[in-house]
Amino acid sequence: MTFALETAANPQGLRRVAIDPVSRVEGHGKVTLLLDEHNHIQQARLHIVEFRGFEKFIEGRPYWEVPVMVQRLCGICPVSHHLAAAKALDRVLGATPVSASANAVRRLMHYGQMLQSHALHFFHLSSPDLLFGFDSEVAQRNIVGVAQAHPEIAKKGILLRKFGQEVIRITAGKRVHGTGAVPGGINKLVTREERDSLLRDLPQMLQWAQEAVTIVKQLHAQNPALYNSFGNFPSNLMSLVRPDGALDFYDGVLRVRDAQGQVLFDGVADQRYLELIEEEVRPWSYMKFPHLKSLGKERGWYRVGPLARVQNCDFIPSEHAEIERQAFVDWGQGELVQASLAYHWARLIELLHCVEVIGELLNDPALLSGDLLTSGVRQRSGVGIIEAPRGTLIHDYDVGDDDLVTRCNLIVSTTHNNQAMNEAVRSVAREYLDGQELTEGLLNHIEVAIRAYDPCLSCATHALGQMPLQVTLLAADGTQMDQVRKAATGEVTRG
């Protein structure tokens, strides 16, 4: 992480502090703070500064290429995009529901993905802050420092992730950017030998997953004031739930709770998501701001991901994770847990649930035999929604009679959390940095708040919209040859 002080281009003469780039997250983003002469925070924003045009270059491609193409959005959560696209295109093919075998293999793939991503985020990216402290030495605050000071914790994190990646390899063909899911089903079953190899490691994974939850519970118990207040602000919550209200990562209906825990919307089918949410464009970020249509942009923003899912569902359908969910709910003493650091606790409850579900799926005979593909009455469009590691993921496609994609809309988990992350940045900046002489350790507090959401900034920057854009052409000697600017209003100037 680097930070710089510079004069902001504003009439108040405020100083600008930039954290650029935000570290230990996937993708590129920066934070800017505007401070007055007494170091009081006047503005704090998270900017997403990279741009990727997946929604546009998917257009014109054959629909069967899409599940493989879209997962190139990310190297950490490709399976989520792979499966969300496949689910959307199942609708186009009329392949709903898919076969029992396709459902079992896809679910196994997805729960393996959730397991490996949660393990990566907590043990590799976030545990250095939590174990050593936000102000600890930069040289120690990384996975190497964790391995040196807490070798058993680092080992368990690495091997939990490895197990999840092995589940992905077996179901998708390879650990990153596999091809296991296709529109209408899957392209391979699991062999008995592959199934048995996973079953052998399962008891150890279950034990380590339970110990991981214990670690994060102990961190909360040791410093409840910090974990209850850091980045704490009220918000709505959104996630998929099973029709009976249970937690489900692969399929379900949309449910929204308000900040007091009351259900605002329930049972909203995935194909109807546009009746529920809309997106706003702001000129200072390449990431959009979704909100609930009925509440408007000021009151309608919400959180997604582990903190939302664990509290939005009625129960977790696995024994040990449900016990831990109840302990998490009890921590809130009758109110929703809203502190940003609680994402880590909820994330590890989900990791434990993944191990339990993988165990159940490995004993499903449909993994080993059955139909790979299903088809039905062809449709012109389809929506696929899945719970990715970071939250609710929406893929929406129109397909023409020539089998080419004519429209693509992606609303990824980190985009849903955009306003919440900005609120976390503002909350932490005002509580810890306001009026202080800034240090690297203090600025790291802001990064800790962002990292709690496990953002995937590459996934979230998929469309240009009305954001301003400047392109400069330089000669080999560095002199400027041309420059084009597009304003948020759409006006284009040159020179």
Protein backbone atom coordinates (compact mmCIF):
# COMPACT_ATOMS: atom_id res chain seq x y z
CA MET A 1 0.00 0.00 0.00
CA THR A 2 1.19 3.51 -0.80
CA PHE A 3 -0.36 6.84 0.10
CA ALA A 4 0.33 10.37 -0.97
CA LEU A 5 -0.67 13.84 0.16
CA GLU A 6 -1.53 16.34 -2.53
CA THR A 7 -3.63 19.45 -2.96
CA ALA A 8 -7.13 18.63 -4.11
CA ALA A 9 -8.62 20.49 -7.02
CA ASN A 10 -11.48 22.04 -5.06
CA PRO A 11 -12.39 25.55 -3.94
CA GLN A 12 -12.12 24.71 -0.25
CA GLY A 13 -8.41 23.96 -0.58
CA LEU A 14 -8.79 20.56 1.06
CA ARG A 15 -5.91 18.10 1.09
CA ARG A 16 -6.34 14.84 -0.77
CA VAL A 17 -5.04 11.54 0.63
CA ALA A 18 -4.97 8.59 -1.74
CA ILE A 19 -4.58 4.92 -0.84
CA ASP A 20 -3.59 3.57 -4.23
CA PRO A 21 -3.88 0.70 -4.76
CA VAL A 22 -5.97 -0.99 -2.08
CA SER A 23 -3.95 -4.10 -1.22
CA ARG A 24 -4.85 -7.75 -0.59
CA VAL A 25 -8.00 -7.63 -2.73
CA GLU A 26 -8.69 -9.04 -6.19
CA GLY A 27 -8.53 -6.26 -8.79
CA HIS A 28 -7.57 -2.61 -8.65
CA GLY A 29 -9.17 0.16 -6.60
CA LYS A 30 -8.18 3.18 -4.59
CA VAL A 31 -9.54 5.26 -1.72
CA THR A 32 -9.45 9.05 -1.62
CA LEU A 33 -9.90 11.15 1.51
CA LEU A 34 -10.41 14.91 1.56
CA LEU A 35 -9.16 16.57 4.76
CA ASP A 36 -9.32 20.13 6.04
CA GLU A 37 -6.45 21.97 7.70
CA HIS A 38 -7.16 20.24 11.02
CA ASN A 39 -7.08 16.74 9.44
CA HIS A 40 -10.85 16.35 9.77
CA ILE A 41 -12.37 14.02 7.16
CA GLN A 42 -14.63 15.92 4.74
CA GLN A 43 -15.06 13.17 2.16
CA ALA A 44 -14.10 9.49 1.83
CA ARG A 45 -14.68 7.41 -1.29
CA LEU A 46 -13.76 4.03 -2.71
CA HIS A 47 -12.97 4.37 -6.44
CA ILE A 48 -12.85 1.43 -8.85
CA VAL A 49 -10.34 2.54 -11.45
CA GLU A 50 -10.09 -0.42 -13.80
CA PHE A 51 -12.52 -1.00 -16.64
CA ARG A 52 -13.47 -4.30 -18.30
CA GLY A 53 -16.13 -4.63 -20.98
CA PHE A 54 -17.45 -8.17 -20.60
CA GLU A 55 -21.08 -7.19 -21.08
CA LYS A 56 -20.26 -5.88 -24.54
CA PHE A 57 -17.89 -8.43 -25.96
CA ILE A 58 -20.19 -11.28 -24.92
CA GLU A 59 -22.64 -9.87 -27.46
CA GLY A 60 -22.46 -11.64 -30.81
CA ARG A 61 -20.90 -14.82 -29.39
CA PRO A 62 -22.63 -18.22 -29.62
CA TYR A 63 -24.48 -18.91 -26.37
CA TRP A 64 -22.63 -22.18 -25.74
CA GLU A 65 -19.32 -20.29 -25.46
CA VAL A 66 -20.58 -18.00 -22.70
CA PRO A 67 -20.13 -20.20 -19.57
CA VAL A 68 -16.46 -20.62 -20.45
CA MET A 69 -15.91 -17.00 -21.52
CA VAL A 70 -17.46 -15.17 -18.58
CA GLN A 71 -15.41 -17.00 -15.96
CA ARG A 72 -12.37 -15.14 -17.32
CA LEU A 73 -13.72 -12.22 -15.32
CA CYS A 74 -11.89 -13.69 -12.35
CA GLY A 75 -9.24 -16.19 -11.31
CA ILE A 76 -10.57 -16.50 -7.75
CA CYS A 77 -14.30 -17.08 -8.29
CA PRO A 78 -14.54 -18.34 -11.90
CA VAL A 79 -16.81 -21.24 -10.96
CA SER A 80 -19.50 -18.83 -9.77
CA HIS A 81 -19.62 -17.04 -13.13
CA HIS A 82 -19.38 -20.38 -14.95
CA LEU A 83 -22.43 -21.75 -13.13
CA ALA A 84 -24.51 -18.55 -13.14
CA ALA A 85 -24.11 -18.35 -16.92
CA ALA A 86 -24.94 -22.04 -17.35
CA LYS A 87 -28.08 -21.61 -15.20
CA ALA A 88 -29.21 -18.62 -17.28
CA LEU A 89 -28.68 -20.51 -20.53
CA ASP A 90 -30.51 -23.56 -19.14
CA ARG A 91 -33.54 -21.27 -19.35
CA VAL A 92 -32.80 -20.41 -22.96
CA LEU A 93 -32.70 -24.13 -23.80
CA GLY A 94 -35.79 -24.87 -21.73
CA ALA A 95 -33.63 -27.23 -19.67
CA THR A 96 -35.27 -26.56 -16.32
CA PRO A 97 -34.82 -28.46 -14.21
CA VAL A 98 -31.56 -30.05 -15.31
CA SER A 99 -31.01 -33.76 -14.64
CA ALA A 100 -30.36 -35.05 -11.13
CA SER A 101 -26.77 -35.82 -12.10
CA ALA A 102 -26.17 -32.34 -13.52
CA ASN A 103 -27.64 -30.78 -10.40
CA ALA A 104 -25.47 -32.90 -8.09
CA VAL A 105 -22.22 -32.30 -10.00
CA ARG A 106 -22.84 -28.57 -10.32
CA ARG A 107 -23.66 -28.22 -6.64
CA LEU A 108 -20.53 -30.14 -5.67
CA MET A 109 -18.49 -27.86 -7.95
CA HIS A 110 -20.03 -24.75 -6.44
CA TYR A 111 -19.60 -25.76 -2.80
CA GLY A 112 -15.97 -26.63 -3.58
CA GLN A 113 -15.61 -23.13 -5.02
CA MET A 114 -17.17 -21.49 -1.96
CA LEU A 115 -14.85 -23.49 0.31
CA GLN A 116 -11.63 -22.62 -1.49
CA SER A 117 -12.51 -18.94 -1.88
CA HIS A 118 -13.49 -18.49 1.78
CA ALA A 119 -10.31 -20.25 2.90
CA LEU A 120 -8.18 -18.08 0.61
CA HIS A 121 -9.77 -14.87 1.80
CA PHE A 122 -9.65 -15.49 5.53
CA PHE A 123 -6.31 -17.24 5.92
CA HIS A 124 -4.29 -15.54 3.18
CA LEU A 125 -5.76 -12.04 2.86
CA SER A 126 -7.46 -11.09 6.14
CA SER A 127 -5.90 -13.13 8.94
CA PRO A 128 -2.68 -11.03 9.01
CA ASP A 129 -4.69 -7.98 10.13
CA LEU A 130 -6.76 -9.95 12.63
CA LEU A 131 -3.92 -11.96 14.17
CA PHE A 132 -1.23 -9.24 14.31
CA GLY A 133 -3.30 -6.05 14.57
CA PHE A 134 -4.15 -3.34 12.09
CA ASP A 135 -1.12 -1.25 13.10
CA SER A 136 1.41 -4.10 13.08
CA GLU A 137 4.59 -4.06 11.03
CA VAL A 138 3.93 -4.14 7.29
CA ALA A 139 6.69 -6.73 6.80
CA GLN A 140 4.83 -9.13 9.11
CA ARG A 141 1.29 -8.36 7.96
CA ASN A 142 1.03 -10.99 5.20
CA ILE A 143 0.61 -14.74 4.71
CA VAL A 144 4.37 -15.32 5.15
CA GLY A 145 4.19 -13.63 8.54
CA VAL A 146 1.22 -15.83 9.49
CA ALA A 147 3.11 -18.95 8.42
CA GLN A 148 6.06 -17.96 10.60
CA ALA A 149 4.10 -16.94 13.70
CA HIS A 150 1.14 -19.34 13.41
CA PRO A 151 2.29 -22.25 11.21
CA GLU A 152 -0.62 -24.53 12.13
CA ILE A 153 -3.20 -21.89 11.21
CA ALA A 154 -1.48 -21.21 7.89
CA LYS A 155 -1.23 -24.93 7.14
CA LYS A 156 -4.92 -25.53 7.79
CA GLY A 157 -5.88 -22.59 5.58
CA ILE A 158 -3.71 -23.77 2.71
CA LEU A 159 -4.97 -27.37 2.87
CA LEU A 160 -8.63 -26.38 3.23
CA ARG A 161 -8.27 -24.34 0.06
CA LYS A 162 -6.44 -27.18 -1.66
CA PHE A 163 -9.33 -29.54 -0.87
CA GLY A 164 -11.82 -27.09 -2.38
CA GLN A 165 -9.69 -26.76 -5.49
CA GLU A 166 -9.53 -30.54 -5.81
CA VAL A 167 -13.34 -30.67 -5.72
CA ILE A 168 -13.36 -28.12 -8.56
CA ARG A 169 -10.77 -30.07 -10.57
CA ILE A 170 -12.78 -33.27 -10.33
CA THR A 171 -16.09 -31.67 -11.32
CA ALA A 172 -14.95 -28.97 -13.78
CA GLY A 173 -11.92 -30.61 -15.39
CA LYS A 174 -9.30 -28.26 -13.92
CA ARG A 175 -8.87 -26.02 -10.89
CA VAL A 176 -9.21 -22.68 -12.70
CA HIS A 177 -11.44 -21.94 -15.70
CA GLY A 178 -12.83 -25.45 -16.16
CA THR A 179 -15.56 -26.57 -18.55
CA GLY A 180 -17.71 -28.91 -16.44
CA ALA A 181 -21.02 -27.03 -16.76
CA VAL A 182 -22.62 -26.51 -20.17
CA PRO A 183 -26.00 -25.02 -21.11
CA GLY A 184 -28.49 -27.77 -20.32
CA GLY A 185 -26.31 -29.75 -17.92
CA ILE A 186 -22.75 -31.00 -17.53
CA ASN A 187 -20.12 -32.66 -19.71
CA LYS A 188 -18.81 -35.27 -17.28
CA LEU A 189 -19.73 -37.30 -14.21
CA VAL A 190 -17.57 -38.01 -11.16
CA THR A 191 -15.80 -41.37 -11.11
CA ARG A 192 -15.94 -43.66 -8.10
CA GLU A 193 -12.18 -43.26 -7.58
CA GLU A 194 -12.46 -39.46 -7.61
CA ARG A 195 -15.36 -39.58 -5.17
CA ASP A 196 -13.49 -41.91 -2.80
CA SER A 197 -10.36 -39.72 -2.85
CA LEU A 198 -12.40 -36.78 -1.57
CA LEU A 199 -14.19 -38.87 1.05
CA ARG A 200 -10.85 -39.91 2.55
CA ASP A 201 -9.91 -36.30 3.32
CA LEU A 202 -13.36 -35.19 4.47
CA PRO A 203 -13.07 -35.93 8.24
CA GLN A 204 -9.88 -33.86 8.49
CA MET A 205 -11.46 -30.99 6.55
CA LEU A 206 -14.48 -31.00 8.85
CA GLN A 207 -12.27 -30.79 11.94
CA TRP A 208 -10.21 -27.92 10.51
CA ALA A 209 -13.34 -26.05 9.43
CA GLN A 210 -14.71 -26.26 12.96
CA GLU A 211 -11.39 -25.03 14.35
CA ALA A 212 -11.45 -22.09 11.91
CA VAL A 213 -14.80 -20.96 13.30
CA THR A 214 -13.36 -21.26 16.81
CA ILE A 215 -10.47 -18.96 15.84
CA VAL A 216 -12.73 -16.16 14.67
CA LYS A 217 -15.06 -16.55 17.67
CA GLN A 218 -12.06 -16.19 19.98
CA LEU A 219 -10.99 -13.01 18.18
CA HIS A 220 -14.44 -11.52 18.77
CA ALA A 221 -14.42 -12.59 22.44
CA GLN A 222 -10.95 -11.11 23.04
CA ASN A 223 -11.88 -7.67 21.70
CA PRO A 224 -15.67 -7.27 21.57
CA ALA A 225 -15.51 -3.47 21.53
CA LEU A 226 -13.52 -3.47 18.28
CA TYR A 227 -15.47 -6.23 16.56
CA ASN A 228 -18.82 -4.68 17.50
CA SER A 229 -18.02 -1.13 16.44
CA PHE A 230 -15.62 -1.30 13.48
CA GLY A 231 -17.47 -0.33 10.32
CA ASN A 232 -20.82 -0.73 12.09
CA PHE A 233 -23.82 0.84 10.35
CA PRO A 234 -27.39 -0.29 9.58
CA SER A 235 -28.27 -1.67 6.16
CA ASN A 236 -30.74 -3.84 4.31
CA LEU A 237 -29.67 -7.44 3.54
CA MET A 238 -30.29 -9.47 0.36
CA SER A 239 -29.61 -13.09 -0.59
CA LEU A 240 -31.06 -16.21 -2.09
CA VAL A 241 -32.84 -18.60 0.25
CA ARG A 242 -34.37 -21.96 -0.38
CA PRO A 243 -38.21 -21.90 -0.67
CA ASP A 244 -38.38 -23.19 2.92
CA GLY A 245 -36.12 -20.36 4.12
CA ALA A 246 -32.92 -22.39 4.38
CA LEU A 247 -29.49 -21.16 3.31
CA ASP A 248 -28.69 -22.25 -0.25
CA PHE A 249 -25.75 -21.14 -2.36
CA TYR A 250 -26.75 -22.72 -5.69
CA ASP A 251 -30.43 -21.93 -6.15
CA GLY A 252 -33.47 -20.34 -4.53
CA VAL A 253 -35.59 -17.19 -4.37
CA LEU A 254 -34.57 -13.65 -3.44
CA ARG A 255 -35.27 -12.39 0.07
CA VAL A 256 -34.58 -8.90 1.48
CA ARG A 257 -34.58 -7.82 5.13
CA ASP A 258 -34.47 -4.28 6.40
CA ALA A 259 -31.97 -3.04 8.98
CA GLN A 260 -34.29 -4.06 11.82
CA GLY A 261 -34.49 -7.64 10.56
CA GLN A 262 -38.01 -7.46 9.11
CA VAL A 263 -38.57 -9.22 5.78
CA LEU A 264 -39.30 -6.66 3.05
CA PHE A 265 -39.46 -9.03 0.07
CA ASP A 266 -39.58 -12.79 -0.07
CA GLY A 267 -40.01 -15.47 -2.69
CA VAL A 268 -38.92 -13.24 -5.59
CA ALA A 269 -38.10 -15.57 -8.51
CA ASP A 270 -34.71 -15.16 -10.17
CA GLN A 271 -36.32 -14.28 -13.54
CA ARG A 272 -38.01 -11.27 -11.87
CA TYR A 273 -34.94 -9.62 -10.32
CA LEU A 274 -35.41 -6.44 -12.40
CA GLU A 275 -38.69 -5.83 -10.60
CA LEU A 276 -36.71 -5.62 -7.36
CA ILE A 277 -33.45 -3.76 -8.05
CA GLU A 278 -31.98 -1.14 -10.33
CA GLU A 279 -28.50 0.36 -10.74
CA GLU A 280 -27.25 3.94 -10.48
CA VAL A 281 -24.17 5.35 -12.23
CA ARG A 282 -21.90 7.84 -10.46
CA PRO A 283 -19.15 9.78 -12.24
CA TRP A 284 -16.27 8.92 -9.87
CA SER A 285 -16.32 5.10 -10.12
CA TYR A 286 -16.48 2.45 -12.84
CA MET A 287 -18.65 0.34 -10.51
CA LYS A 288 -22.41 0.91 -10.41
CA PHE A 289 -24.55 1.35 -7.29
CA PRO A 290 -27.56 -1.01 -7.08
CA HIS A 291 -30.55 -0.32 -4.84
CA LEU A 292 -34.09 -1.52 -4.21
CA LYS A 293 -36.48 0.24 -6.57
CA SER A 294 -39.21 0.54 -3.96
CA LEU A 295 -36.98 2.36 -1.45
CA GLY A 296 -34.94 4.52 -3.83
CA LYS A 297 -31.21 5.10 -3.98
CA GLU A 298 -30.91 6.84 -0.60
CA ARG A 299 -32.62 4.14 1.51
CA GLY A 300 -32.61 1.16 -0.81
CA TRP A 301 -28.96 0.08 -0.83
CA TYR A 302 -28.13 -3.23 0.84
CA ARG A 303 -25.44 -5.71 1.77
CA VAL A 304 -24.90 -9.16 0.26
CA GLY A 305 -22.48 -11.98 1.08
CA PRO A 306 -21.85 -14.01 4.25
CA LEU A 307 -23.04 -11.37 6.73
CA ALA A 308 -26.33 -11.07 4.83
CA ARG A 309 -26.82 -14.77 4.07
CA VAL A 310 -26.26 -16.10 7.58
CA GLN A 311 -28.82 -13.64 8.99
CA ASN A 312 -31.26 -13.59 6.07
CA CYS A 313 -31.94 -17.34 6.10
CA ASP A 314 -34.16 -19.07 8.67
CA PHE A 315 -31.70 -21.91 9.22
CA ILE A 316 -28.59 -23.57 7.76
CA PRO A 317 -29.38 -27.11 6.57
CA SER A 318 -26.31 -28.79 8.08
CA GLU A 319 -25.81 -29.76 11.72
CA HIS A 320 -22.59 -28.06 12.81
CA ALA A 321 -22.99 -24.88 10.76
CA GLU A 322 -26.51 -24.35 12.13
CA ILE A 323 -25.18 -24.59 15.69
CA GLU A 324 -22.59 -21.93 14.82
CA ARG A 325 -25.23 -19.76 13.10
CA GLN A 326 -27.28 -19.74 16.27
CA ALA A 327 -24.20 -18.65 18.28
CA PHE A 328 -23.62 -15.86 15.75
CA VAL A 329 -27.23 -14.67 16.03
CA ASP A 330 -26.98 -14.76 19.83
CA TRP A 331 -23.97 -12.42 19.62
CA GLY A 332 -26.34 -9.78 18.22
CA GLN A 333 -28.54 -9.96 21.36
CA GLY A 334 -31.78 -9.75 19.44
CA GLU A 335 -30.60 -7.35 16.73
CA LEU A 336 -28.91 -7.90 13.38
CA VAL A 337 -25.12 -8.02 13.53
CA GLN A 338 -24.07 -5.08 11.32
CA ALA A 339 -20.35 -4.61 12.10
CA SER A 340 -18.18 -5.14 9.02
CA LEU A 341 -15.65 -7.39 10.80
CA ALA A 342 -18.46 -9.87 11.48
CA TYR A 343 -18.22 -10.82 7.80
CA HIS A 344 -15.25 -12.99 8.76
CA TRP A 345 -17.21 -14.92 11.39
CA ALA A 346 -20.12 -15.47 9.00
CA ARG A 347 -17.71 -16.44 6.23
CA LEU A 348 -16.18 -19.24 8.30
CA ILE A 349 -19.61 -20.52 9.33
CA GLU A 350 -20.30 -20.83 5.60
CA LEU A 351 -16.94 -22.57 5.09
CA LEU A 352 -17.98 -25.16 7.68
CA HIS A 353 -21.36 -25.56 5.95
CA CYS A 354 -19.59 -26.15 2.62
CA VAL A 355 -17.57 -29.03 4.05
CA GLU A 356 -20.74 -30.59 5.47
CA VAL A 357 -22.64 -30.24 2.18
CA ILE A 358 -19.73 -31.65 0.19
CA GLY A 359 -19.89 -34.71 2.44
CA GLU A 360 -23.60 -35.13 1.71
CA LEU A 361 -23.14 -34.67 -2.04
CA LEU A 362 -20.30 -37.19 -2.22
CA ASN A 363 -22.76 -39.86 -1.06
CA ASP A 364 -25.30 -38.98 -3.78
CA PRO A 365 -25.38 -41.79 -6.40
CA ALA A 366 -26.36 -39.24 -9.06
CA LEU A 367 -22.73 -38.05 -9.08
CA LEU A 368 -21.62 -41.36 -10.55
CA SER A 369 -24.33 -42.17 -13.12
CA GLY A 370 -27.24 -40.52 -14.89
CA ASP A 371 -28.11 -38.19 -17.74
CA LEU A 372 -25.70 -35.37 -18.51
CA LEU A 373 -28.02 -33.10 -20.51
CA THR A 374 -31.64 -31.96 -20.60
CA SER A 375 -33.54 -29.91 -23.18
CA GLY A 376 -37.00 -28.43 -23.59
CA VAL A 377 -38.86 -25.60 -25.31
CA ARG A 378 -36.43 -22.95 -26.56
CA GLN A 379 -36.67 -19.45 -25.01
CA ARG A 380 -35.24 -16.09 -26.07
CA SER A 381 -33.81 -15.08 -22.67
CA GLY A 382 -32.74 -16.42 -19.31
CA VAL A 383 -31.54 -15.28 -15.89
CA GLY A 384 -29.22 -17.27 -13.65
CA ILE A 385 -28.68 -16.26 -10.01
CA ILE A 386 -26.25 -17.93 -7.66
CA GLU A 387 -24.70 -17.09 -4.29
CA ALA A 388 -21.03 -16.52 -5.08
CA PRO A 389 -18.49 -16.31 -2.22
CA ARG A 390 -18.89 -12.54 -2.07
CA GLY A 391 -22.67 -12.51 -2.43
CA THR A 392 -25.54 -12.65 -4.89
CA LEU A 393 -24.43 -12.97 -8.53
CA ILE A 394 -26.81 -12.26 -11.43
CA HIS A 395 -26.30 -13.25 -15.08
CA ASP A 396 -28.95 -12.18 -17.60
CA TYR A 397 -28.84 -12.98 -21.35
CA ASP A 398 -30.93 -12.56 -24.49
CA VAL A 399 -30.18 -14.99 -27.33
CA GLY A 400 -31.35 -14.63 -30.94
CA ASP A 401 -32.71 -17.29 -33.28
CA ASP A 402 -29.18 -17.57 -34.73
CA ASP A 403 -27.91 -18.72 -31.29
CA LEU A 404 -25.91 -15.51 -30.80
CA VAL A 405 -26.10 -13.47 -27.60
CA THR A 406 -27.84 -10.14 -28.26
CA ARG A 407 -27.76 -8.69 -24.72
CA CYS A 408 -25.86 -9.36 -21.51
CA ASN A 409 -26.35 -7.86 -18.04
CA LEU A 410 -24.16 -8.86 -15.12
CA ILE A 411 -24.65 -7.64 -11.56
CA VAL A 412 -21.89 -9.18 -9.47
CA SER A 413 -21.58 -9.54 -5.73
CA THR A 414 -19.10 -6.71 -5.20
CA THR A 415 -21.32 -4.33 -7.17
CA HIS A 416 -24.21 -5.06 -4.80
CA ASN A 417 -21.86 -4.19 -1.91
CA ASN A 418 -20.55 -0.98 -3.48
CA GLN A 419 -22.50 1.47 -1.32
CA ALA A 420 -21.88 -0.63 1.79
CA MET A 421 -18.12 -0.58 1.19
CA ASN A 422 -18.23 3.20 0.76
CA GLU A 423 -20.19 3.47 4.01
CA ALA A 424 -17.56 1.30 5.72
CA VAL A 425 -14.76 3.53 4.40
CA ARG A 426 -16.53 6.66 5.68
CA SER A 427 -17.37 5.11 9.05
CA VAL A 428 -13.83 3.93 9.74
CA ALA A 429 -12.23 7.13 8.42
CA ARG A 430 -14.32 9.26 10.75
CA GLU A 431 -13.86 7.02 13.79
CA TYR A 432 -10.13 6.33 13.53
CA LEU A 433 -8.54 8.92 11.20
CA ASP A 434 -10.49 12.14 11.82
CA GLY A 435 -8.23 14.78 13.32
CA GLN A 436 -5.25 12.41 13.52
CA GLU A 437 -1.79 12.60 12.01
CA LEU A 438 -2.04 9.95 9.33
CA THR A 439 0.20 6.89 9.42
CA GLU A 440 0.37 3.72 7.37
CA GLY A 441 -1.23 1.80 10.22
CA LEU A 442 -4.18 4.20 10.44
CA LEU A 443 -4.72 4.07 6.69
CA ASN A 444 -4.63 0.28 6.88
CA HIS A 445 -7.78 0.51 9.03
CA ILE A 446 -9.62 1.62 5.89
CA GLU A 447 -8.20 -1.28 3.90
CA VAL A 448 -9.24 -3.68 6.66
CA ALA A 449 -12.82 -2.39 6.30
CA ILE A 450 -12.78 -2.95 2.55
CA ARG A 451 -11.16 -6.38 2.84
CA ALA A 452 -13.94 -7.53 5.19
CA TYR A 453 -16.24 -7.58 2.15
CA ASP A 454 -13.78 -9.74 0.20
CA PRO A 455 -14.27 -7.53 -2.86
CA CYS A 456 -13.53 -8.78 -6.36
CA LEU A 457 -13.03 -5.47 -8.14
CA SER A 458 -12.21 -7.07 -11.50
CA CYS A 459 -15.59 -8.81 -11.58
CA ALA A 460 -17.46 -5.64 -10.70
CA THR A 461 -16.23 -3.34 -13.49
CA HIS A 462 -18.07 -4.74 -16.44
CA ALA A 463 -19.77 -1.81 -18.18
CA LEU A 464 -18.86 1.77 -19.02
CA GLY A 465 -22.25 3.42 -18.69
CA GLN A 466 -22.01 7.22 -18.28
CA MET A 467 -18.72 7.36 -16.39
CA PRO A 468 -16.26 9.98 -17.70
CA LEU A 469 -13.35 8.63 -19.72
CA GLN A 470 -10.07 10.16 -20.90
CA VAL A 471 -7.77 8.56 -23.47
CA THR A 472 -4.31 10.03 -24.15
CA LEU A 473 -2.03 8.96 -27.01
CA LEU A 474 1.69 9.37 -26.36
CA ALA A 475 4.59 9.14 -28.83
CA ALA A 476 7.60 6.92 -28.15
CA ASP A 477 9.45 9.89 -26.61
CA GLY A 478 6.56 10.59 -24.22
CA THR A 479 5.14 13.66 -25.97
CA GLN A 480 1.36 13.88 -26.19
CA MET A 481 0.02 13.31 -29.69
CA ASP A 482 -3.72 13.31 -29.05
CA GLN A 483 -6.31 13.28 -26.26
CA VAL A 484 -10.04 12.56 -26.21
CA ARG A 485 -12.33 13.18 -23.22
CA LYS A 486 -15.86 11.89 -22.73
CA ALA A 487 -17.79 13.63 -19.96
CA ALA A 488 -20.45 11.97 -17.79
CA THR A 489 -23.01 13.88 -19.90
CA GLY A 490 -21.78 12.10 -23.04
CA GLU A 491 -20.08 15.21 -24.48
CA VAL A 492 -16.82 14.41 -26.31
CA THR A 493 -13.93 16.90 -26.60
CA ARG A 494 -10.56 16.49 -28.26
CA GLY A 495 -7.12 18.00 -27.81
